[in-house]
Amino acid sequence: MKHYFEYQDSKSYKFWQIEIEANTLNVKYGKIGTAGQEKISSFDTPEKAQKEMEKLISEKTKKGYVEKTDASAKKVARRIGVSYDEAEEGKTLLEKVTAFLDSSQATEVESLVIAAWEEAYEEGPQESLNLLIANPGKLPQLKELFVGDMDSEECEISWITQADYTNLFAAFPALERLHIKGSKDLVLTSQPLKHEHLKALTIECGGLPKEVIEKIATAHLPSLEYLQLYIGVDEYGFDGKLDDLRPFMQKGLFPKLKHLGLVDSEIANEIAIEIAQASVLEQLETLDLSMGTLSDEGGRALLDSSKIAGLKKLDLHYHYLSNDMIKEFKKLSILVDVTDQQDTEDEWRYPAVTE
């Protein structure tokens, strides 16, 4: 018997799979779009293997992993990128994407991850993105796209040069998840953003431009359930203010929205104070204000809010809350993540992700 789970939060999108055969457990795990790692364990009896599987599944579900259907477990994923050595040899992302589209696997892929490309600090993936947009017929099953999945050793997040996604939405009307990492030269769309089936949108960066925020705030996304925006700092691209984020705090902007993340912000206290009484809390299951400069000022506003009790989870990890306030949050009846406390005595406070 096989069980397949997925987990997505402000920092990751990954899978975990467990399969039992007699007295053996086979566990696979890793980032979505990769083959992942594998661990095989043997037990004295099938009963002990079954008990261990149930224990592991319980641990994963408590951490927020969600079990998917058999169809989801069979999802075909592909990760394409250019390593440092390949770049030194002159290989390019465009060449790899071209080869992928010409392969027989392309028509089966549901999840596509574009990892590092050559000189990402200077050039964006525009040509490769344009090639995908020009060939939707070769990707009939595509449901998920992640562009820019690279670590700091490959390119600092604020240095990642992005692209213009204007034509992506019309080219892939069945797309359900879009994750973009990096905001340098990012154009989400030069037109009004409309998409009937997009369920999840994540933009991960050191600073989110006001223009991108406005495009999302005025978008027609009736199926959107998950929105995760890294607000960041002005030094690395955030040129907005609280007023630009207020539309996201209104109930009904995205009727199906269950998860709202306004994370990694240098104005985390302002956001917390404003959203504590916002109508959007009436429809949310998860509110994520993590990785920012949240202190007791914003924390008190959240604690004093009667609307917070309607959430299933409040994520505040990486914060500048005092020990006393952390204790108050732990008394709430909902799940609250207040891990990764920063030095509250530090005069200079920064979000978790900037450069």
Protein backbone atom coordinates (compact mmCIF):
# COMPACT_ATOMS: atom_id res chain seq x y z
CA MET A 1 0.00 0.00 0.00
CA LYS A 2 1.28 3.44 -0.95
CA HIS A 3 0.49 6.82 0.64
CA TYR A 4 1.56 10.10 -0.98
CA PHE A 5 1.64 13.48 0.79
CA GLU A 6 2.50 17.05 -0.17
CA TYR A 7 3.47 20.01 1.98
CA GLN A 8 3.66 23.68 1.06
CA ASP A 9 4.50 26.64 3.24
CA SER A 10 6.31 29.94 2.90
CA LYS A 11 9.67 28.22 2.45
CA SER A 12 9.08 24.97 0.61
CA TYR A 13 6.93 22.76 -1.59
CA LYS A 14 7.79 19.13 -1.07
CA PHE A 15 6.48 15.58 -1.14
CA TRP A 16 6.67 12.56 1.16
CA GLN A 17 5.68 9.08 0.08
CA ILE A 18 5.58 5.84 2.03
CA GLU A 19 4.93 2.34 0.74
CA ILE A 20 4.66 -0.90 2.70
CA GLU A 21 5.39 -4.34 1.34
CA ALA A 22 5.31 -7.18 3.86
CA ASN A 23 7.80 -6.15 6.58
CA THR A 24 9.54 -3.42 4.53
CA LEU A 25 8.89 0.33 4.40
CA ASN A 26 10.04 2.41 1.42
CA VAL A 27 10.04 6.15 2.08
CA LYS A 28 10.72 8.77 -0.61
CA TYR A 29 10.88 12.49 0.05
CA GLY A 30 12.16 15.74 -1.45
CA LYS A 31 11.23 18.88 -3.36
CA ILE A 32 8.36 18.69 -5.82
CA GLY A 33 9.86 18.28 -9.26
CA THR A 34 12.84 16.21 -8.11
CA ALA A 35 13.34 12.48 -7.79
CA GLY A 36 13.95 13.02 -4.08
CA GLN A 37 15.76 10.72 -1.68
CA GLU A 38 14.86 7.17 -0.72
CA LYS A 39 15.08 5.29 2.57
CA ILE A 40 14.25 1.60 2.97
CA SER A 41 13.68 0.05 6.41
CA SER A 42 13.01 -3.57 7.34
CA PHE A 43 11.20 -4.82 10.46
CA ASP A 44 10.88 -8.14 12.24
CA THR A 45 7.24 -8.58 11.26
CA PRO A 46 4.68 -7.00 8.89
CA GLU A 47 2.74 -5.86 11.95
CA LYS A 48 5.70 -3.82 13.21
CA ALA A 49 6.17 -2.30 9.76
CA GLN A 50 2.48 -1.36 9.68
CA LYS A 51 2.70 0.22 13.13
CA GLU A 52 5.76 2.25 12.11
CA MET A 53 4.03 3.43 8.94
CA GLU A 54 1.00 4.61 10.90
CA LYS A 55 3.29 6.45 13.33
CA LEU A 56 5.18 8.22 10.52
CA ILE A 57 1.97 9.18 8.73
CA SER A 58 0.59 10.63 11.98
CA GLU A 59 3.76 12.69 12.46
CA LYS A 60 3.60 14.05 8.92
CA THR A 61 -0.07 15.00 9.08
CA LYS A 62 0.53 16.85 12.35
CA LYS A 63 3.22 18.87 10.57
CA GLY A 64 0.75 19.87 7.86
CA TYR A 65 1.36 17.30 5.15
CA VAL A 66 -1.77 16.56 3.10
CA GLU A 67 -2.43 13.16 1.58
CA LYS A 68 -3.21 13.20 -2.12
CA THR A 69 -5.26 10.86 -4.26
CA ASP A 70 -3.81 8.04 -6.33
CA ALA A 71 -3.94 10.32 -9.35
CA SER A 72 -1.86 12.92 -7.54
CA ALA A 73 0.63 10.29 -6.45
CA LYS A 74 1.21 9.37 -10.07
CA LYS A 75 1.89 12.98 -11.04
CA VAL A 76 4.77 13.31 -13.47
CA ALA A 77 7.25 16.04 -12.52
CA ARG A 78 10.35 17.36 -14.26
CA ARG A 79 13.12 19.66 -13.05
CA ILE A 80 15.30 21.48 -15.58
CA GLY A 81 18.34 23.56 -14.71
CA VAL A 82 21.93 24.38 -15.58
CA SER A 83 24.61 23.52 -13.05
CA TYR A 84 27.74 25.61 -12.58
CA ASP A 85 29.85 23.05 -14.42
CA GLU A 86 27.36 22.88 -17.28
CA ALA A 87 27.35 26.67 -17.57
CA GLU A 88 31.15 26.63 -17.71
CA GLU A 89 30.88 24.18 -20.60
CA GLY A 90 28.57 26.56 -22.45
CA LYS A 91 25.30 24.74 -21.91
CA THR A 92 22.17 26.87 -21.63
CA LEU A 93 18.71 26.61 -20.14
CA LEU A 94 17.19 27.26 -23.56
CA GLU A 95 18.94 24.19 -24.96
CA LYS A 96 17.66 22.05 -22.13
CA VAL A 97 14.09 23.33 -22.40
CA THR A 98 14.16 22.77 -26.16
CA ALA A 99 15.31 19.18 -25.67
CA PHE A 100 12.65 18.62 -23.02
CA LEU A 101 9.84 19.88 -25.24
CA ASP A 102 11.04 17.59 -28.03
CA SER A 103 11.00 14.58 -25.70
CA SER A 104 8.13 12.15 -25.32
CA GLN A 105 7.91 12.91 -21.59
CA ALA A 106 6.79 16.52 -22.12
CA THR A 107 3.20 15.55 -22.90
CA GLU A 108 2.92 13.73 -19.55
CA VAL A 109 4.49 16.34 -17.26
CA GLU A 110 2.12 17.97 -14.78
CA SER A 111 4.70 19.75 -12.63
CA LEU A 112 7.62 21.63 -14.20
CA VAL A 113 10.41 23.21 -12.17
CA ILE A 114 12.88 25.59 -13.80
CA ALA A 115 15.95 25.63 -11.58
CA ALA A 116 19.16 27.64 -12.01
CA TRP A 117 20.17 29.02 -15.38
CA GLU A 118 23.43 30.45 -16.61
CA GLU A 119 24.32 33.93 -15.28
CA ALA A 120 20.96 34.33 -13.53
CA TYR A 121 22.26 37.52 -11.92
CA GLU A 122 22.44 39.15 -15.38
CA GLU A 123 20.02 37.33 -17.66
CA GLY A 124 16.49 36.13 -17.04
CA PRO A 125 14.79 32.98 -18.39
CA GLN A 126 12.74 34.95 -20.92
CA GLU A 127 13.72 32.93 -24.00
CA SER A 128 12.99 29.65 -22.26
CA LEU A 129 9.71 30.98 -20.88
CA ASN A 130 8.72 32.23 -24.33
CA LEU A 131 9.45 28.78 -25.74
CA LEU A 132 7.09 27.19 -23.21
CA ILE A 133 4.43 29.78 -23.97
CA ALA A 134 4.76 29.13 -27.71
CA ASN A 135 4.28 25.38 -27.24
CA PRO A 136 1.33 24.74 -24.92
CA GLY A 137 0.33 21.80 -27.11
CA LYS A 138 3.48 19.98 -26.02
CA LEU A 139 2.52 20.43 -22.36
CA PRO A 140 -1.15 19.43 -22.30
CA GLN A 141 -1.01 18.15 -18.71
CA LEU A 142 0.87 21.08 -17.14
CA LYS A 143 -0.69 22.12 -13.84
CA GLU A 144 2.26 23.46 -11.85
CA LEU A 145 5.15 25.75 -12.79
CA PHE A 146 8.01 26.93 -10.58
CA VAL A 147 10.54 29.29 -12.14
CA GLY A 148 13.73 30.15 -10.26
CA ASP A 149 14.23 27.26 -7.86
CA MET A 150 17.86 27.92 -6.93
CA ASP A 151 19.76 28.33 -3.67
CA SER A 152 21.98 31.23 -2.58
CA GLU A 153 25.13 29.47 -3.77
CA GLU A 154 23.70 29.44 -7.28
CA CYS A 155 22.36 33.00 -7.07
CA GLU A 156 21.25 35.24 -4.22
CA ILE A 157 17.49 35.68 -4.31
CA SER A 158 17.66 39.45 -4.82
CA TRP A 159 20.02 38.96 -7.76
CA ILE A 160 17.81 36.52 -9.68
CA THR A 161 16.77 38.16 -12.93
CA GLN A 162 13.20 37.26 -13.77
CA ALA A 163 10.98 37.58 -16.84
CA ASP A 164 7.70 38.85 -18.30
CA TYR A 165 4.87 36.38 -17.65
CA THR A 166 2.14 38.31 -19.47
CA ASN A 167 1.41 35.65 -22.07
CA LEU A 168 1.75 32.66 -19.76
CA PHE A 169 -1.75 32.84 -18.33
CA ALA A 170 -3.57 32.66 -21.66
CA ALA A 171 -1.20 29.98 -22.99
CA PHE A 172 -1.91 27.66 -20.04
CA PRO A 173 -5.55 28.11 -18.98
CA ALA A 174 -5.44 24.88 -16.93
CA LEU A 175 -2.45 25.98 -14.82
CA GLU A 176 -3.19 25.57 -11.12
CA ARG A 177 0.03 26.54 -9.34
CA LEU A 178 2.59 29.22 -10.17
CA HIS A 179 5.69 29.84 -8.04
CA ILE A 180 8.15 32.57 -9.04
CA LYS A 181 11.43 33.15 -7.21
CA GLY A 182 13.14 36.51 -7.67
CA SER A 183 11.64 39.90 -8.47
CA LYS A 184 14.40 41.68 -10.36
CA ASP A 185 12.90 42.72 -13.74
CA LEU A 186 9.76 40.72 -12.93
CA VAL A 187 6.67 41.59 -14.94
CA LEU A 188 3.79 39.44 -13.78
CA THR A 189 1.60 40.79 -16.53
CA SER A 190 1.29 43.99 -18.56
CA GLN A 191 -2.45 43.36 -18.86
CA PRO A 192 -5.23 42.79 -16.32
CA LEU A 193 -4.50 39.46 -14.66
CA LYS A 194 -7.25 36.93 -15.32
CA HIS A 195 -7.13 33.18 -14.86
CA GLU A 196 -10.05 30.91 -14.09
CA HIS A 197 -8.22 27.90 -12.66
CA LEU A 198 -5.12 29.18 -10.82
CA LYS A 199 -5.31 27.81 -7.27
CA ALA A 200 -1.94 28.82 -5.81
CA LEU A 201 0.37 31.78 -6.42
CA THR A 202 3.70 32.27 -4.66
CA ILE A 203 6.20 35.04 -5.33
CA GLU A 204 9.38 34.58 -3.32
CA CYS A 205 11.83 37.49 -3.29
CA GLY A 206 13.81 39.97 -1.24
CA GLY A 207 11.49 42.82 -2.16
CA LEU A 208 8.17 42.80 -4.03
CA PRO A 209 7.61 45.74 -6.42
CA LYS A 210 4.45 47.80 -5.97
CA GLU A 211 3.53 47.21 -9.61
CA VAL A 212 3.41 43.44 -9.07
CA ILE A 213 1.37 43.86 -5.87
CA GLU A 214 -1.16 46.01 -7.71
CA LYS A 215 -1.55 43.48 -10.51
CA ILE A 216 -2.39 40.76 -8.01
CA ALA A 217 -4.66 42.99 -5.93
CA THR A 218 -6.77 43.77 -9.02
CA ALA A 219 -6.66 40.27 -10.51
CA HIS A 220 -9.58 38.03 -11.41
CA LEU A 221 -8.62 34.72 -9.84
CA PRO A 222 -11.86 33.01 -8.79
CA SER A 223 -10.20 29.66 -7.99
CA LEU A 224 -7.29 31.02 -5.92
CA GLU A 225 -6.96 29.17 -2.61
CA TYR A 226 -3.33 29.89 -1.68
CA LEU A 227 -1.52 33.24 -1.93
CA GLN A 228 2.01 33.66 -0.59
CA LEU A 229 3.79 36.98 -1.13
CA TYR A 230 7.26 37.84 0.14
CA ILE A 231 7.02 41.57 0.81
CA GLY A 232 10.70 42.11 1.59
CA VAL A 233 12.54 45.39 2.05
CA ASP A 234 12.93 48.59 0.05
CA GLU A 235 16.63 48.00 -0.50
CA TYR A 236 15.83 44.94 -2.59
CA GLY A 237 12.72 45.95 -4.46
CA PHE A 238 9.78 46.68 -2.15
CA ASP A 239 8.58 50.17 -3.05
CA GLY A 240 5.05 49.94 -1.70
CA LYS A 241 3.34 50.65 1.61
CA LEU A 242 0.55 49.27 3.77
CA ASP A 243 -2.16 50.80 1.59
CA ASP A 244 -1.02 48.61 -1.31
CA LEU A 245 -1.62 45.48 0.78
CA ARG A 246 -5.06 46.42 2.12
CA PRO A 247 -7.00 44.85 -0.79
CA PHE A 248 -5.74 41.41 0.29
CA MET A 249 -7.28 41.97 3.71
CA GLN A 250 -10.82 42.27 2.35
CA LYS A 251 -13.08 39.24 2.35
CA GLY A 252 -14.14 38.15 -1.12
CA LEU A 253 -11.28 39.54 -3.18
CA PHE A 254 -10.50 35.90 -3.93
CA PRO A 255 -13.65 34.00 -2.88
CA LYS A 256 -11.96 30.62 -2.37
CA LEU A 257 -8.83 31.88 -0.58
CA LYS A 258 -7.93 29.75 2.45
CA HIS A 259 -4.25 30.62 2.93
CA LEU A 260 -2.87 34.16 2.93
CA GLY A 261 0.81 34.81 3.44
CA LEU A 262 2.18 38.35 3.66
CA VAL A 263 5.61 37.28 4.81
CA ASP A 264 9.20 38.45 5.12
CA SER A 265 8.20 42.06 5.67
CA GLU A 266 9.94 45.02 7.22
CA ILE A 267 6.46 46.47 7.95
CA ALA A 268 5.24 43.30 9.67
CA ASN A 269 3.83 45.20 12.65
CA GLU A 270 1.78 47.48 10.42
CA ILE A 271 0.44 44.47 8.55
CA ALA A 272 -0.42 42.62 11.77
CA ILE A 273 -2.24 45.59 13.29
CA GLU A 274 -4.28 46.12 10.13
CA ILE A 275 -5.12 42.49 9.41
CA ALA A 276 -6.04 41.69 13.01
CA GLN A 277 -9.48 43.20 12.44
CA ALA A 278 -9.74 42.54 8.71
CA SER A 279 -12.70 40.76 7.15
CA VAL A 280 -10.50 38.34 5.20
CA LEU A 281 -9.90 36.41 8.44
CA GLU A 282 -13.49 35.23 8.22
CA GLN A 283 -12.66 33.08 5.20
CA LEU A 284 -9.07 32.01 5.96
CA GLU A 285 -7.82 28.78 7.47
CA THR A 286 -4.17 29.86 7.62
CA LEU A 287 -2.63 33.29 8.09
CA ASP A 288 1.12 33.51 7.56
CA LEU A 289 2.96 36.60 8.81
CA SER A 290 6.25 34.79 9.33
CA MET A 291 9.86 35.76 8.59
CA GLY A 292 9.34 39.47 9.17
CA THR A 293 10.14 42.01 11.86
CA LEU A 294 7.04 41.28 13.95
CA SER A 295 7.42 42.43 17.55
CA ASP A 296 5.13 42.79 20.56
CA GLU A 297 3.36 45.77 18.99
CA GLY A 298 1.96 43.67 16.17
CA GLY A 299 1.69 40.60 18.35
CA ARG A 300 -0.60 42.37 20.79
CA ALA A 301 -2.96 43.38 17.99
CA LEU A 302 -3.23 39.76 16.90
CA LEU A 303 -3.81 38.49 20.43
CA ASP A 304 -6.55 41.06 21.00
CA SER A 305 -8.36 40.08 17.81
CA SER A 306 -11.48 37.94 18.16
CA LYS A 307 -11.18 36.98 14.49
CA ILE A 308 -7.93 35.07 14.98
CA ALA A 309 -9.79 32.31 16.82
CA GLY A 310 -11.47 31.29 13.57
CA LEU A 311 -8.16 30.28 11.98
CA LYS A 312 -6.75 26.78 11.98
CA LYS A 313 -3.16 28.02 11.96
CA LEU A 314 -1.28 31.26 12.56
CA ASP A 315 2.31 31.17 11.35
CA LEU A 316 4.63 33.72 12.98
CA HIS A 317 7.94 31.84 12.89
CA TYR A 318 11.05 34.03 12.73
CA HIS A 319 9.96 37.02 14.80
CA TYR A 320 11.03 39.55 17.44
CA LEU A 321 8.34 38.72 20.01
CA SER A 322 9.20 38.78 23.70
CA ASN A 323 9.18 35.63 25.81
CA ASP A 324 6.02 36.75 27.60
CA MET A 325 4.18 37.29 24.34
CA ILE A 326 5.29 33.91 23.01
CA LYS A 327 3.72 32.33 26.11
CA GLU A 328 0.45 34.14 25.38
CA PHE A 329 0.36 32.88 21.81
CA LYS A 330 0.96 29.32 22.99
CA LYS A 331 -2.19 29.55 25.12
CA LEU A 332 -4.42 30.13 22.08
CA SER A 333 -6.73 27.31 21.03
CA ILE A 334 -5.46 27.38 17.44
CA LEU A 335 -2.12 26.14 16.14
CA VAL A 336 0.46 28.95 16.35
CA ASP A 337 4.05 28.70 15.14
CA VAL A 338 6.22 31.06 17.18
CA THR A 339 9.51 29.26 16.64
CA ASP A 340 12.78 30.91 15.61
CA GLN A 341 12.76 33.89 17.97
CA GLN A 342 15.27 36.58 17.02
CA ASP A 343 17.25 38.78 19.39
CA THR A 344 14.71 41.24 20.77
CA GLU A 345 17.52 43.43 22.08
CA ASP A 346 18.95 43.91 18.61
CA GLU A 347 18.61 47.52 17.47
CA TRP A 348 18.67 46.51 13.79
CA ARG A 349 15.91 44.17 12.74
CA TYR A 350 15.65 42.47 9.38
CA PRO A 351 13.29 40.03 7.68
CA ALA A 352 14.59 36.51 7.13
CA VAL A 353 15.02 36.85 3.36
CA THR A 354 16.49 40.02 1.87
CA GLU A 355 19.61 39.76 -0.29
